[in-house]
Amino acid sequence: PLELAKSDGEAFVGKALELLIAFQPPETIPAALPQRAAGAKTIQYNGTATNCYAVIISGGYDTNNNHIRYWGDSAFLYSTLTKKYGYTDDHIYALISDGTNPAVDRSDFSNSPTDLDGDGDVDTDYPATYANITNVFKLLKGILHSNDQLLVFTTDHGMNTDGGTMLDSELNLWNHGILRDDQLKAITTNLPCTVMFVMEQCYSGGFVDDLSKTNSLIATA
């Protein structure tokens, strides 16, 4: 365990994240895969790992509310993408709480590690702010092609937007920022490839009506 000093002088004992064991490919492949129902819509993909991109957003809101599990989920996904599916580091954009700032930014009085997959490299790119998220998607619009695919993962606190309906939701970002469902729709609408949204924050189901479109998938809490 790690012993960290609290601001009031008392000791706080936490645990470091264990290194992930390398993924092992299955020994056998099923002879027959489940069949889709007749008439079901499908998204075809014939690219390789070099065509795969991802954006990981973990806002945290502020130090008191940035629970360690948000970083843990983000690091697990990053490790899965790089170690199992072959995504390259430069194809994954990680926006984690306060970015690479070494200051304490988590509710357990620790700093979010910038190495997300245990290889010793800095994987976190930017603080999770609306401006940075917008800039990342602007960058991707100039990079992505029709045969690419993009995974967008979000975690943090979420809530209904004040004055809206149950379908109006927002994601908390760093430093008390927010990302509304209509804002995320606006910055992802013109992407030229398949986009898969995976959202685990509360009230993320409110994003479904904004993000549902041709050639996209969305899974929410």
C-alpha atoms as a PDB file:
ATOM      1  CA  PRO A   1       0.000   0.000   0.000  1.00  0.00           C
ATOM      2  CA  LEU A   2       0.995   3.626  -0.513  1.00  0.00           C
ATOM      3  CA  GLU A   3       1.053   5.986   2.452  1.00  0.00           C
ATOM      4  CA  LEU A   4       0.036   9.497   1.433  1.00  0.00           C
ATOM      5  CA  ALA A   5      -0.050  12.627   3.556  1.00  0.00           C
ATOM      6  CA  LYS A   6      -3.363  14.393   4.011  1.00  0.00           C
ATOM      7  CA  SER A   7      -3.515  18.165   4.210  1.00  0.00           C
ATOM      8  CA  ASP A   8      -4.350  18.010   7.938  1.00  0.00           C
ATOM      9  CA  GLY A   9      -1.293  15.896   8.697  1.00  0.00           C
ATOM     10  CA  GLU A  10      -3.116  12.603   9.169  1.00  0.00           C
ATOM     11  CA  ALA A  11      -1.925   9.570   7.229  1.00  0.00           C
ATOM     12  CA  PHE A  12      -4.035   8.191   4.412  1.00  0.00           C
ATOM     13  CA  VAL A  13      -3.348   4.661   3.224  1.00  0.00           C
ATOM     14  CA  GLY A  14      -4.344   3.778  -0.325  1.00  0.00           C
ATOM     15  CA  LYS A  15      -3.415   1.102  -2.820  1.00  0.00           C
ATOM     16  CA  ALA A  16      -1.501   1.418  -6.046  1.00  0.00           C
ATOM     17  CA  LEU A  17      -3.019  -0.018  -9.206  1.00  0.00           C
ATOM     18  CA  GLU A  18      -1.501  -3.390  -9.980  1.00  0.00           C
ATOM     19  CA  LEU A  19       0.065  -3.937 -13.375  1.00  0.00           C
ATOM     20  CA  LEU A  20      -2.308  -5.640 -15.754  1.00  0.00           C
ATOM     21  CA  ILE A  21      -1.462  -9.138 -16.905  1.00  0.00           C
ATOM     22  CA  ALA A  22      -0.994  -9.299 -20.644  1.00  0.00           C
ATOM     23  CA  PHE A  23      -4.079 -10.475 -22.490  1.00  0.00           C
ATOM     24  CA  GLN A  24      -3.947 -13.995 -23.892  1.00  0.00           C
ATOM     25  CA  PRO A  25      -5.693 -14.833 -27.166  1.00  0.00           C
ATOM     26  CA  PRO A  26      -8.308 -17.589 -27.018  1.00  0.00           C
ATOM     27  CA  GLU A  27      -7.017 -21.085 -27.735  1.00  0.00           C
ATOM     28  CA  THR A  28      -9.960 -21.933 -29.931  1.00  0.00           C
ATOM     29  CA  ILE A  29     -12.369 -19.957 -32.058  1.00  0.00           C
ATOM     30  CA  PRO A  30     -16.056 -20.959 -32.113  1.00  0.00           C
ATOM     31  CA  ALA A  31     -16.991 -22.840 -35.267  1.00  0.00           C
ATOM     32  CA  ALA A  32     -20.169 -20.823 -35.711  1.00  0.00           C
ATOM     33  CA  LEU A  33     -21.042 -17.355 -34.466  1.00  0.00           C
ATOM     34  CA  PRO A  34     -24.578 -16.357 -33.408  1.00  0.00           C
ATOM     35  CA  GLN A  35     -26.686 -15.248 -36.345  1.00  0.00           C
ATOM     36  CA  ARG A  36     -28.261 -11.792 -36.482  1.00  0.00           C
ATOM     37  CA  ALA A  37     -32.007 -11.570 -36.748  1.00  0.00           C
ATOM     38  CA  ALA A  38     -33.391 -11.206 -40.268  1.00  0.00           C
ATOM     39  CA  GLY A  39     -33.445  -7.566 -41.324  1.00  0.00           C
ATOM     40  CA  ALA A  40     -31.162  -6.389 -38.505  1.00  0.00           C
ATOM     41  CA  LYS A  41     -28.950  -3.449 -39.410  1.00  0.00           C
ATOM     42  CA  THR A  42     -25.213  -4.048 -39.356  1.00  0.00           C
ATOM     43  CA  ILE A  43     -22.111  -1.899 -39.479  1.00  0.00           C
ATOM     44  CA  GLN A  44     -19.467  -3.390 -41.731  1.00  0.00           C
ATOM     45  CA  TYR A  45     -15.770  -2.850 -41.030  1.00  0.00           C
ATOM     46  CA  ASN A  46     -12.889  -4.168 -43.095  1.00  0.00           C
ATOM     47  CA  GLY A  47      -9.964  -2.143 -41.762  1.00  0.00           C
ATOM     48  CA  THR A  48      -7.145  -3.045 -39.393  1.00  0.00           C
ATOM     49  CA  ALA A  49      -5.895  -1.745 -36.051  1.00  0.00           C
ATOM     50  CA  THR A  50      -4.116   1.047 -37.908  1.00  0.00           C
ATOM     51  CA  ASN A  51      -7.560   2.376 -38.838  1.00  0.00           C
ATOM     52  CA  CYS A  52      -8.759   2.477 -35.214  1.00  0.00           C
ATOM     53  CA  TYR A  53      -8.867   5.603 -33.068  1.00  0.00           C
ATOM     54  CA  ALA A  54     -10.218   6.394 -29.606  1.00  0.00           C
ATOM     55  CA  VAL A  55     -11.031   9.349 -27.380  1.00  0.00           C
ATOM     56  CA  ILE A  56     -11.123   8.742 -23.613  1.00  0.00           C
ATOM     57  CA  ILE A  57     -12.722  11.441 -21.462  1.00  0.00           C
ATOM     58  CA  SER A  58     -12.591  11.326 -17.660  1.00  0.00           C
ATOM     59  CA  GLY A  59     -13.541  14.709 -16.220  1.00  0.00           C
ATOM     60  CA  GLY A  60     -13.468  14.232 -12.474  1.00  0.00           C
ATOM     61  CA  TYR A  61     -15.207  17.584 -11.849  1.00  0.00           C
ATOM     62  CA  ASP A  62     -12.806  18.596  -9.039  1.00  0.00           C
ATOM     63  CA  THR A  63     -10.362  17.022  -6.576  1.00  0.00           C
ATOM     64  CA  ASN A  64     -13.018  16.130  -3.997  1.00  0.00           C
ATOM     65  CA  ASN A  65     -15.258  14.419  -6.564  1.00  0.00           C
ATOM     66  CA  ASN A  66     -12.648  12.836  -8.834  1.00  0.00           C
ATOM     67  CA  HIS A  67     -12.886   9.265  -7.579  1.00  0.00           C
ATOM     68  CA  ILE A  68     -10.035   6.875  -8.323  1.00  0.00           C
ATOM     69  CA  ARG A  69     -12.350   4.493 -10.189  1.00  0.00           C
ATOM     70  CA  TYR A  70     -12.698   7.003 -13.042  1.00  0.00           C
ATOM     71  CA  TRP A  71      -8.963   6.810 -13.733  1.00  0.00           C
ATOM     72  CA  GLY A  72      -9.063   3.039 -13.195  1.00  0.00           C
ATOM     73  CA  ASP A  73     -11.775   2.527 -15.823  1.00  0.00           C
ATOM     74  CA  SER A  74      -9.975   4.802 -18.258  1.00  0.00           C
ATOM     75  CA  ALA A  75      -6.632   3.046 -17.724  1.00  0.00           C
ATOM     76  CA  PHE A  76      -8.241  -0.384 -18.134  1.00  0.00           C
ATOM     77  CA  LEU A  77      -9.825   0.643 -21.428  1.00  0.00           C
ATOM     78  CA  TYR A  78      -6.593   2.213 -22.674  1.00  0.00           C
ATOM     79  CA  SER A  79      -4.693  -0.975 -21.782  1.00  0.00           C
ATOM     80  CA  THR A  80      -7.313  -3.140 -23.480  1.00  0.00           C
ATOM     81  CA  LEU A  81      -7.109  -1.114 -26.678  1.00  0.00           C
ATOM     82  CA  THR A  82      -3.307  -1.091 -26.845  1.00  0.00           C
ATOM     83  CA  LYS A  83      -2.449  -4.522 -25.442  1.00  0.00           C
ATOM     84  CA  LYS A  84      -5.287  -6.626 -26.833  1.00  0.00           C
ATOM     85  CA  TYR A  85      -6.594  -4.858 -29.917  1.00  0.00           C
ATOM     86  CA  GLY A  86      -3.394  -3.281 -31.193  1.00  0.00           C
ATOM     87  CA  TYR A  87      -4.358   0.396 -31.117  1.00  0.00           C
ATOM     88  CA  THR A  88      -1.282   2.618 -31.348  1.00  0.00           C
ATOM     89  CA  ASP A  89      -0.676   5.214 -28.634  1.00  0.00           C
ATOM     90  CA  ASP A  90      -0.830   8.082 -31.104  1.00  0.00           C
ATOM     91  CA  HIS A  91      -4.342   7.030 -32.170  1.00  0.00           C
ATOM     92  CA  ILE A  92      -5.742   7.366 -28.640  1.00  0.00           C
ATOM     93  CA  TYR A  93      -6.512  10.788 -27.197  1.00  0.00           C
ATOM     94  CA  ALA A  94      -6.795  10.667 -23.408  1.00  0.00           C
ATOM     95  CA  LEU A  95      -8.302  13.652 -21.613  1.00  0.00           C
ATOM     96  CA  ILE A  96      -8.001  12.869 -17.901  1.00  0.00           C
ATOM     97  CA  SER A  97      -8.969  15.361 -15.142  1.00  0.00           C
ATOM     98  CA  ASP A  98      -6.166  17.985 -14.952  1.00  0.00           C
ATOM     99  CA  GLY A  99      -4.029  16.376 -17.652  1.00  0.00           C
ATOM    100  CA  THR A 100      -0.312  16.091 -16.926  1.00  0.00           C
ATOM    101  CA  ASN A 101      -0.377  18.515 -13.996  1.00  0.00           C
ATOM    102  CA  PRO A 102       1.501  16.787 -11.122  1.00  0.00           C
ATOM    103  CA  ALA A 103      -0.755  18.318  -8.469  1.00  0.00           C
ATOM    104  CA  VAL A 104      -3.156  16.229  -6.388  1.00  0.00           C
ATOM    105  CA  ASP A 105      -6.345  15.801  -8.423  1.00  0.00           C
ATOM    106  CA  ARG A 106      -8.145  12.784  -6.909  1.00  0.00           C
ATOM    107  CA  SER A 107     -10.366  12.276  -3.905  1.00  0.00           C
ATOM    108  CA  ASP A 108      -7.850   9.862  -2.329  1.00  0.00           C
ATOM    109  CA  PHE A 109      -5.287  12.714  -2.154  1.00  0.00           C
ATOM    110  CA  SER A 110      -3.195  11.361  -5.034  1.00  0.00           C
ATOM    111  CA  ASN A 111      -2.337  12.457  -8.563  1.00  0.00           C
ATOM    112  CA  SER A 112      -3.742  10.657 -11.594  1.00  0.00           C
ATOM    113  CA  PRO A 113      -0.867   8.659 -13.172  1.00  0.00           C
ATOM    114  CA  THR A 114      -0.210   9.685 -16.763  1.00  0.00           C
ATOM    115  CA  ASP A 115       0.915   6.177 -17.757  1.00  0.00           C
ATOM    116  CA  LEU A 116      -2.341   4.396 -18.536  1.00  0.00           C
ATOM    117  CA  ASP A 117      -1.096   1.019 -19.793  1.00  0.00           C
ATOM    118  CA  GLY A 118       2.016   0.356 -17.719  1.00  0.00           C
ATOM    119  CA  ASP A 119       4.610   0.789 -20.472  1.00  0.00           C
ATOM    120  CA  GLY A 120       6.382   3.746 -18.873  1.00  0.00           C
ATOM    121  CA  ASP A 121       5.164   6.307 -21.418  1.00  0.00           C
ATOM    122  CA  VAL A 122       3.001   9.354 -20.762  1.00  0.00           C
ATOM    123  CA  ASP A 123      -0.405   8.497 -22.227  1.00  0.00           C
ATOM    124  CA  THR A 124      -2.550  11.346 -20.892  1.00  0.00           C
ATOM    125  CA  ASP A 125      -2.740  14.142 -23.445  1.00  0.00           C
ATOM    126  CA  TYR A 126      -4.867  16.974 -22.090  1.00  0.00           C
ATOM    127  CA  PRO A 127      -7.030  18.113 -19.178  1.00  0.00           C
ATOM    128  CA  ALA A 128     -10.661  17.089 -19.626  1.00  0.00           C
ATOM    129  CA  THR A 129     -12.094  20.501 -20.494  1.00  0.00           C
ATOM    130  CA  TYR A 130     -14.653  21.476 -23.099  1.00  0.00           C
ATOM    131  CA  ALA A 131     -12.087  23.475 -25.069  1.00  0.00           C
ATOM    132  CA  ASN A 132      -9.690  20.531 -25.254  1.00  0.00           C
ATOM    133  CA  ILE A 133     -12.443  18.074 -26.208  1.00  0.00           C
ATOM    134  CA  THR A 134     -13.583  20.388 -29.002  1.00  0.00           C
ATOM    135  CA  ASN A 135     -10.024  20.756 -30.286  1.00  0.00           C
ATOM    136  CA  VAL A 136      -9.457  16.976 -30.299  1.00  0.00           C
ATOM    137  CA  PHE A 137     -12.549  16.349 -32.415  1.00  0.00           C
ATOM    138  CA  LYS A 138     -11.573  19.178 -34.778  1.00  0.00           C
ATOM    139  CA  LEU A 139      -8.209  17.465 -35.179  1.00  0.00           C
ATOM    140  CA  LEU A 140      -9.856  14.093 -35.820  1.00  0.00           C
ATOM    141  CA  LYS A 141     -12.092  15.540 -38.533  1.00  0.00           C
ATOM    142  CA  GLY A 142      -8.954  16.283 -40.505  1.00  0.00           C
ATOM    143  CA  ILE A 143      -7.430  12.844 -39.875  1.00  0.00           C
ATOM    144  CA  LEU A 144     -10.225  10.280 -40.103  1.00  0.00           C
ATOM    145  CA  HIS A 145     -11.373   8.621 -43.328  1.00  0.00           C
ATOM    146  CA  SER A 146     -14.445   6.566 -44.201  1.00  0.00           C
ATOM    147  CA  ASN A 147     -12.678   3.250 -43.523  1.00  0.00           C
ATOM    148  CA  ASP A 148     -11.561   4.270 -40.028  1.00  0.00           C
ATOM    149  CA  GLN A 149     -13.487   3.761 -36.816  1.00  0.00           C
ATOM    150  CA  LEU A 150     -13.585   5.859 -33.654  1.00  0.00           C
ATOM    151  CA  LEU A 151     -14.390   4.792 -30.088  1.00  0.00           C
ATOM    152  CA  VAL A 152     -15.479   7.539 -27.685  1.00  0.00           C
ATOM    153  CA  PHE A 153     -15.495   6.586 -23.992  1.00  0.00           C
ATOM    154  CA  THR A 154     -16.743   8.878 -21.220  1.00  0.00           C
ATOM    155  CA  THR A 155     -16.770   8.538 -17.452  1.00  0.00           C
ATOM    156  CA  ASP A 156     -17.369  10.876 -14.492  1.00  0.00           C
ATOM    157  CA  HIS A 157     -20.457  12.257 -12.835  1.00  0.00           C
ATOM    158  CA  GLY A 158     -23.445  12.986 -15.044  1.00  0.00           C
ATOM    159  CA  MET A 159     -26.797  14.686 -14.573  1.00  0.00           C
ATOM    160  CA  ASN A 160     -29.881  16.025 -16.278  1.00  0.00           C
ATOM    161  CA  THR A 161     -29.494  19.522 -17.662  1.00  0.00           C
ATOM    162  CA  ASP A 162     -31.281  22.174 -15.604  1.00  0.00           C
ATOM    163  CA  GLY A 163     -34.529  23.198 -17.236  1.00  0.00           C
ATOM    164  CA  GLY A 164     -34.423  20.348 -19.733  1.00  0.00           C
ATOM    165  CA  THR A 165     -36.298  17.101 -20.131  1.00  0.00           C
ATOM    166  CA  MET A 166     -35.185  13.597 -19.104  1.00  0.00           C
ATOM    167  CA  LEU A 167     -33.468  13.370 -22.509  1.00  0.00           C
ATOM    168  CA  ASP A 168     -31.305  16.442 -21.826  1.00  0.00           C
ATOM    169  CA  SER A 169     -28.150  15.264 -20.078  1.00  0.00           C
ATOM    170  CA  GLU A 170     -24.618  16.472 -19.447  1.00  0.00           C
ATOM    171  CA  LEU A 171     -21.245  15.054 -18.475  1.00  0.00           C
ATOM    172  CA  ASN A 172     -19.155  16.750 -15.794  1.00  0.00           C
ATOM    173  CA  LEU A 173     -15.674  17.821 -16.866  1.00  0.00           C
ATOM    174  CA  TRP A 174     -12.635  19.045 -14.977  1.00  0.00           C
ATOM    175  CA  ASN A 175     -12.766  22.277 -12.970  1.00  0.00           C
ATOM    176  CA  HIS A 176     -16.576  22.234 -12.770  1.00  0.00           C
ATOM    177  CA  GLY A 177     -17.006  22.177 -16.524  1.00  0.00           C
ATOM    178  CA  ILE A 178     -19.781  20.354 -18.398  1.00  0.00           C
ATOM    179  CA  LEU A 179     -20.354  18.749 -21.788  1.00  0.00           C
ATOM    180  CA  ARG A 180     -24.020  18.738 -22.843  1.00  0.00           C
ATOM    181  CA  ASP A 181     -25.541  16.101 -25.102  1.00  0.00           C
ATOM    182  CA  ASP A 182     -26.273  18.653 -27.839  1.00  0.00           C
ATOM    183  CA  GLN A 183     -22.676  19.912 -27.665  1.00  0.00           C
ATOM    184  CA  LEU A 184     -21.251  16.426 -28.126  1.00  0.00           C
ATOM    185  CA  LYS A 185     -23.636  15.917 -31.049  1.00  0.00           C
ATOM    186  CA  ALA A 186     -22.442  19.128 -32.672  1.00  0.00           C
ATOM    187  CA  ILE A 187     -18.739  18.263 -32.497  1.00  0.00           C
ATOM    188  CA  THR A 188     -19.157  14.659 -33.691  1.00  0.00           C
ATOM    189  CA  THR A 189     -21.849  14.990 -36.376  1.00  0.00           C
ATOM    190  CA  ASN A 190     -19.537  15.464 -39.352  1.00  0.00           C
ATOM    191  CA  LEU A 191     -17.014  12.746 -38.555  1.00  0.00           C
ATOM    192  CA  PRO A 192     -16.566  10.644 -41.718  1.00  0.00           C
ATOM    193  CA  CYS A 193     -16.363   7.186 -40.129  1.00  0.00           C
ATOM    194  CA  THR A 194     -18.130   4.776 -37.807  1.00  0.00           C
ATOM    195  CA  VAL A 195     -18.324   6.175 -34.267  1.00  0.00           C
ATOM    196  CA  MET A 196     -18.944   4.025 -31.185  1.00  0.00           C
ATOM    197  CA  PHE A 197     -19.958   5.834 -27.988  1.00  0.00           C
ATOM    198  CA  VAL A 198     -19.580   4.080 -24.623  1.00  0.00           C
ATOM    199  CA  MET A 199     -20.764   6.204 -21.696  1.00  0.00           C
ATOM    200  CA  GLU A 200     -20.817   5.072 -18.065  1.00  0.00           C
ATOM    201  CA  GLN A 201     -21.754   8.280 -16.231  1.00  0.00           C
ATOM    202  CA  CYS A 202     -25.167   8.626 -14.596  1.00  0.00           C
ATOM    203  CA  TYR A 203     -27.950   9.896 -16.872  1.00  0.00           C
ATOM    204  CA  SER A 204     -25.882   9.033 -19.961  1.00  0.00           C
ATOM    205  CA  GLY A 205     -29.020   7.559 -21.535  1.00  0.00           C
ATOM    206  CA  GLY A 206     -30.050  11.141 -22.209  1.00  0.00           C
ATOM    207  CA  PHE A 207     -27.324  11.295 -24.862  1.00  0.00           C
ATOM    208  CA  VAL A 208     -28.902   8.548 -26.977  1.00  0.00           C
ATOM    209  CA  ASP A 209     -31.356  10.701 -28.918  1.00  0.00           C
ATOM    210  CA  ASP A 210     -28.612  13.191 -29.824  1.00  0.00           C
ATOM    211  CA  LEU A 211     -25.935  10.691 -30.813  1.00  0.00           C
ATOM    212  CA  SER A 212     -28.062   8.107 -32.634  1.00  0.00           C
ATOM    213  CA  LYS A 213     -27.362   8.402 -36.344  1.00  0.00           C
ATOM    214  CA  THR A 214     -26.446   6.320 -39.347  1.00  0.00           C
ATOM    215  CA  ASN A 215     -23.155   4.454 -38.946  1.00  0.00           C
ATOM    216  CA  SER A 216     -22.940   4.902 -35.178  1.00  0.00           C
ATOM    217  CA  LEU A 217     -23.354   2.799 -32.046  1.00  0.00           C
ATOM    218  CA  ILE A 218     -24.040   3.957 -28.498  1.00  0.00           C
ATOM    219  CA  ALA A 219     -24.048   2.087 -25.183  1.00  0.00           C
ATOM    220  CA  THR A 220     -24.901   3.959 -21.988  1.00  0.00           C
ATOM    221  CA  ALA A 221     -25.365   3.374 -18.276  1.00  0.00           C
END
